[in-house]
Amino acid sequence: MFKTIYLSVVVVVLILSGIWHISAPQMTERWISRGNGIRLFGALLLELSIPCVWWGGWYYWILFGGLTISGVLRLCFPQSSLRSIWPTYPNWVQTCLLVEGAALMWVLHS
C-alpha cells in the first residue's frame, strides 16, 4: 500500500512539474534562474529516493539511481544544472519529458 502511495506521489510531482512549466513559464524561469530553487528541488529528489533503498528490486534501484543522480547534481551544482537545461529547449519539451517519465514509471510498475 505504501509503495503505491509513494509511486503516486512521485508521478504527481513529475506531472505537476511538467504542467507548471507550461502554465507559468515566467515564474518557472524566475525560480529556475535562482540557485536556491534548484537546490531545494535537488533536496526533494534526494528525499524521494530514500524509500527505494529499503524496497530494493530492479525497479526501485533504477528509480533510486535516477532520483539520486538528478538530486545530487541539482543540490551540489545548481548553476551547471541551469546552464545545461534551460536555454537548450523550450518549456513544452521539458513538460513532455516530465509527463512521459511519469507515465513510464506508472506503466513499468504495473
C-alpha atoms as a PDB file:
ATOM      1  CA  MET A   1       0.000   0.000   0.000  1.00  0.00           C
ATOM      2  CA  PHE A   2       2.757   2.447   0.921  1.00  0.00           C
ATOM      3  CA  LYS A   3       4.589   1.637  -2.326  1.00  0.00           C
ATOM      4  CA  THR A   4       1.507   2.626  -4.320  1.00  0.00           C
ATOM      5  CA  ILE A   5       1.164   5.886  -2.392  1.00  0.00           C
ATOM      6  CA  TYR A   6       4.872   6.588  -2.857  1.00  0.00           C
ATOM      7  CA  LEU A   7       4.715   5.900  -6.584  1.00  0.00           C
ATOM      8  CA  SER A   8       1.620   8.082  -6.884  1.00  0.00           C
ATOM      9  CA  VAL A   9       3.396  10.959  -5.122  1.00  0.00           C
ATOM     10  CA  VAL A  10       6.443  10.728  -7.415  1.00  0.00           C
ATOM     11  CA  VAL A  11       4.229  10.543 -10.522  1.00  0.00           C
ATOM     12  CA  VAL A  12       2.127  13.508  -9.351  1.00  0.00           C
ATOM     13  CA  VAL A  13       5.266  15.569  -8.634  1.00  0.00           C
ATOM     14  CA  LEU A  14       6.519  14.896 -12.170  1.00  0.00           C
ATOM     15  CA  ILE A  15       3.170  15.701 -13.783  1.00  0.00           C
ATOM     16  CA  LEU A  16       2.642  18.874 -11.741  1.00  0.00           C
ATOM     17  CA  SER A  17       6.168  19.998 -12.525  1.00  0.00           C
ATOM     18  CA  GLY A  18       5.508  19.474 -16.220  1.00  0.00           C
ATOM     19  CA  ILE A  19       2.207  21.328 -16.117  1.00  0.00           C
ATOM     20  CA  TRP A  20       3.856  24.157 -14.184  1.00  0.00           C
ATOM     21  CA  HIS A  21       6.481  24.573 -16.925  1.00  0.00           C
ATOM     22  CA  ILE A  22       3.711  25.185 -19.471  1.00  0.00           C
ATOM     23  CA  SER A  23       1.208  27.154 -17.409  1.00  0.00           C
ATOM     24  CA  ALA A  24       3.609  29.546 -15.671  1.00  0.00           C
ATOM     25  CA  PRO A  25       6.743  29.896 -17.816  1.00  0.00           C
ATOM     26  CA  GLN A  26       7.776  33.289 -16.416  1.00  0.00           C
ATOM     27  CA  MET A  27       7.542  32.093 -12.829  1.00  0.00           C
ATOM     28  CA  THR A  28       9.321  28.864 -13.747  1.00  0.00           C
ATOM     29  CA  GLU A  29      12.149  30.839 -15.321  1.00  0.00           C
ATOM     30  CA  ARG A  30      12.398  33.035 -12.230  1.00  0.00           C
ATOM     31  CA  TRP A  31      12.574  30.027  -9.880  1.00  0.00           C
ATOM     32  CA  ILE A  32      14.950  28.084 -12.094  1.00  0.00           C
ATOM     33  CA  SER A  33      17.274  31.054 -12.511  1.00  0.00           C
ATOM     34  CA  ARG A  34      17.993  31.013  -8.780  1.00  0.00           C
ATOM     35  CA  GLY A  35      20.401  28.502  -7.324  1.00  0.00           C
ATOM     36  CA  ASN A  36      18.384  28.065  -4.136  1.00  0.00           C
ATOM     37  CA  GLY A  37      15.304  26.901  -6.036  1.00  0.00           C
ATOM     38  CA  ILE A  38      17.367  24.310  -7.875  1.00  0.00           C
ATOM     39  CA  ARG A  39      18.976  23.167  -4.612  1.00  0.00           C
ATOM     40  CA  LEU A  40      15.587  22.835  -2.947  1.00  0.00           C
ATOM     41  CA  PHE A  41      14.324  20.670  -5.803  1.00  0.00           C
ATOM     42  CA  GLY A  42      17.523  18.584  -5.602  1.00  0.00           C
ATOM     43  CA  ALA A  43      16.922  18.008  -1.897  1.00  0.00           C
ATOM     44  CA  LEU A  44      13.328  16.959  -2.651  1.00  0.00           C
ATOM     45  CA  LEU A  45      14.565  14.442  -5.234  1.00  0.00           C
ATOM     46  CA  LEU A  46      17.061  13.004  -2.756  1.00  0.00           C
ATOM     47  CA  GLU A  47      14.346  12.706  -0.142  1.00  0.00           C
ATOM     48  CA  LEU A  48      12.090  10.909  -2.616  1.00  0.00           C
ATOM     49  CA  SER A  49      14.880   8.420  -3.381  1.00  0.00           C
ATOM     50  CA  ILE A  50      15.261   7.131   0.201  1.00  0.00           C
ATOM     51  CA  PRO A  51      12.376   4.589   0.245  1.00  0.00           C
ATOM     52  CA  CYS A  52      13.767   2.939  -2.894  1.00  0.00           C
ATOM     53  CA  VAL A  53      16.754   1.656  -0.902  1.00  0.00           C
ATOM     54  CA  TRP A  54      14.500  -0.148   1.577  1.00  0.00           C
ATOM     55  CA  TRP A  55      12.369  -1.831  -1.065  1.00  0.00           C
ATOM     56  CA  GLY A  56      15.093  -2.968  -3.464  1.00  0.00           C
ATOM     57  CA  GLY A  57      14.339  -4.774  -6.703  1.00  0.00           C
ATOM     58  CA  TRP A  58      15.304  -3.661 -10.196  1.00  0.00           C
ATOM     59  CA  TYR A  59      12.518  -1.087 -10.499  1.00  0.00           C
ATOM     60  CA  TYR A  60      13.302   0.704  -7.252  1.00  0.00           C
ATOM     61  CA  TRP A  61      17.084   0.552  -7.744  1.00  0.00           C
ATOM     62  CA  ILE A  62      16.742   2.200 -11.155  1.00  0.00           C
ATOM     63  CA  LEU A  63      14.373   4.805  -9.696  1.00  0.00           C
ATOM     64  CA  PHE A  64      16.811   5.348  -6.811  1.00  0.00           C
ATOM     65  CA  GLY A  65      19.695   5.871  -9.239  1.00  0.00           C
ATOM     66  CA  GLY A  66      17.794   8.360 -11.373  1.00  0.00           C
ATOM     67  CA  LEU A  67      16.451  10.363  -8.452  1.00  0.00           C
ATOM     68  CA  THR A  68      19.800  10.353  -6.634  1.00  0.00           C
ATOM     69  CA  ILE A  69      21.911  11.419  -9.611  1.00  0.00           C
ATOM     70  CA  SER A  70      19.470  14.157 -10.539  1.00  0.00           C
ATOM     71  CA  GLY A  71      19.153  15.293  -6.910  1.00  0.00           C
ATOM     72  CA  VAL A  72      22.890  15.397  -6.214  1.00  0.00           C
ATOM     73  CA  LEU A  73      23.616  17.322  -9.411  1.00  0.00           C
ATOM     74  CA  ARG A  74      20.928  19.889  -8.599  1.00  0.00           C
ATOM     75  CA  LEU A  75      21.894  20.143  -4.934  1.00  0.00           C
ATOM     76  CA  CYS A  76      25.671  20.383  -5.391  1.00  0.00           C
ATOM     77  CA  PHE A  77      25.967  22.041  -8.808  1.00  0.00           C
ATOM     78  CA  PRO A  78      22.861  24.197  -9.348  1.00  0.00           C
ATOM     79  CA  GLN A  79      24.479  26.631 -11.800  1.00  0.00           C
ATOM     80  CA  SER A  80      25.719  23.911 -14.142  1.00  0.00           C
ATOM     81  CA  SER A  81      22.273  22.316 -13.948  1.00  0.00           C
ATOM     82  CA  LEU A  82      20.752  25.626 -15.018  1.00  0.00           C
ATOM     83  CA  ARG A  83      23.133  26.180 -17.907  1.00  0.00           C
ATOM     84  CA  SER A  84      22.729  22.669 -19.295  1.00  0.00           C
ATOM     85  CA  ILE A  85      18.932  22.607 -19.356  1.00  0.00           C
ATOM     86  CA  TRP A  86      17.261  25.989 -19.565  1.00  0.00           C
ATOM     87  CA  PRO A  87      18.400  27.605 -22.842  1.00  0.00           C
ATOM     88  CA  THR A  88      18.623  24.310 -24.735  1.00  0.00           C
ATOM     89  CA  TYR A  89      14.962  23.677 -25.499  1.00  0.00           C
ATOM     90  CA  PRO A  90      11.525  25.244 -24.915  1.00  0.00           C
ATOM     91  CA  ASN A  91       9.199  24.632 -21.962  1.00  0.00           C
ATOM     92  CA  TRP A  92       6.895  22.264 -23.824  1.00  0.00           C
ATOM     93  CA  VAL A  93       9.793  19.840 -24.387  1.00  0.00           C
ATOM     94  CA  GLN A  94      10.547  19.779 -20.656  1.00  0.00           C
ATOM     95  CA  THR A  95       6.843  19.218 -19.992  1.00  0.00           C
ATOM     96  CA  CYS A  96       6.720  16.299 -22.419  1.00  0.00           C
ATOM     97  CA  LEU A  97       9.795  14.714 -20.822  1.00  0.00           C
ATOM     98  CA  LEU A  98       8.371  15.036 -17.312  1.00  0.00           C
ATOM     99  CA  VAL A  99       4.940  13.669 -18.225  1.00  0.00           C
ATOM    100  CA  GLU A 100       6.434  10.832 -20.282  1.00  0.00           C
ATOM    101  CA  GLY A 101       8.716   9.957 -17.369  1.00  0.00           C
ATOM    102  CA  ALA A 102       5.715   9.836 -15.044  1.00  0.00           C
ATOM    103  CA  ALA A 103       3.786   7.631 -17.473  1.00  0.00           C
ATOM    104  CA  LEU A 104       6.761   5.304 -17.908  1.00  0.00           C
ATOM    105  CA  MET A 105       7.154   4.981 -14.142  1.00  0.00           C
ATOM    106  CA  TRP A 106       3.480   4.078 -13.757  1.00  0.00           C
ATOM    107  CA  VAL A 107       3.480   1.554 -16.620  1.00  0.00           C
ATOM    108  CA  LEU A 108       6.687  -0.191 -15.537  1.00  0.00           C
ATOM    109  CA  HIS A 109       5.420  -0.509 -12.002  1.00  0.00           C
ATOM    110  CA  SER A 110       2.100  -2.057 -13.011  1.00  0.00           C
END
